Protein backbone atom coordinates (compact mmCIF):
# COMPACT_ATOMS: atom_id res chain seq x y z
CA UNK A 1 39.82 -3.97 14.76
CA UNK A 2 42.69 -1.74 15.58
CA UNK A 3 46.29 -2.57 14.89
CA UNK A 4 47.07 -1.96 18.56
CA UNK A 5 44.59 -4.64 19.63
CA UNK A 6 46.32 -7.20 17.41
CA UNK A 7 49.73 -6.08 18.65
CA UNK A 8 48.61 -6.39 22.28
CA UNK A 9 47.28 -9.88 21.59
CA UNK A 10 50.57 -10.96 20.01
CA UNK A 11 52.59 -9.45 22.85
CA UNK A 12 50.45 -11.32 25.36
CA UNK A 13 50.95 -14.70 23.71
CA UNK A 14 54.69 -14.00 23.45
CA UNK A 15 55.20 -13.27 27.15
CA UNK A 16 52.29 -14.91 29.00
CA UNK A 17 52.70 -18.69 29.13
CA UNK A 18 49.06 -19.30 30.08
CA UNK A 19 47.73 -17.11 27.26
CA UNK A 20 50.09 -18.85 24.85
CA UNK A 21 48.93 -22.27 26.05
CA UNK A 22 45.26 -21.27 25.56
CA UNK A 23 46.11 -19.91 22.10
CA UNK A 24 47.97 -23.04 21.05
CA UNK A 25 45.13 -25.29 22.20
CA UNK A 26 42.41 -23.20 20.51
CA UNK A 27 43.68 -20.25 18.45
CA UNK A 28 40.24 -19.19 17.23
CA UNK A 29 38.65 -19.07 20.66
CA UNK A 30 41.56 -17.16 22.18
CA UNK A 31 41.61 -14.66 19.32
CA UNK A 32 37.83 -14.18 19.60
CA UNK A 33 38.18 -13.56 23.35
CA UNK A 34 40.74 -10.88 22.51
CA UNK A 35 38.25 -9.18 20.20
CA UNK A 36 40.19 -9.69 16.98
CA UNK A 37 38.49 -9.32 13.62
CA UNK A 38 37.84 -12.25 11.28
CA UNK A 39 40.85 -11.36 9.12
CA UNK A 40 43.09 -11.00 12.17
CA UNK A 41 41.90 -14.35 13.51
CA UNK A 42 42.68 -16.01 10.20
CA UNK A 43 46.14 -14.44 10.24
CA UNK A 44 47.03 -15.49 13.79
CA UNK A 45 45.79 -19.03 13.12
CA UNK A 46 48.59 -19.29 10.55
CA UNK A 47 51.30 -18.46 13.10
CA UNK A 48 54.07 -21.03 12.99
CA UNK A 49 53.63 -22.71 16.37
CA UNK A 50 57.19 -24.02 16.57
CA UNK A 51 58.49 -20.58 15.64
CA UNK A 52 56.25 -19.04 18.30
CA UNK A 53 57.72 -21.29 20.98
CA UNK A 54 61.29 -20.58 19.81
CA UNK A 55 60.63 -16.84 19.81
CA UNK A 56 59.23 -16.92 23.34
CA UNK A 57 62.32 -18.78 24.58
CA UNK A 58 64.48 -16.16 22.88
CA UNK A 59 62.53 -13.31 24.51
CA UNK A 60 62.78 -14.95 27.91
CA UNK A 61 66.56 -15.31 27.60
CA UNK A 62 66.90 -11.72 26.45
CA UNK A 63 64.86 -10.46 29.42
CA UNK A 64 66.95 -12.58 31.79
CA UNK A 65 70.19 -11.14 30.37
CA UNK A 66 68.87 -7.60 30.64
CA UNK A 67 67.70 -8.20 34.19
CA UNK A 68 71.04 -9.62 35.25
CA UNK A 69 72.89 -6.60 33.75
CA UNK A 70 70.84 -4.21 35.88
CA UNK A 71 71.42 -6.00 39.17
């Protein structure tokens, strides 16, 4: 699969709470739905789930700060 497909999948689980929830409950199924290759699926299954949650909180805070600066 293409690198951009994997990147889009990762971006989606970083910012979309429902996609992240589906991924955390069944990483293989969610990665298959996204059309990832076998190697990509194996790689995303090894994502540190605690780190993923911490990163998403960090992104959310960053977006909130940026939004409040532009208001």
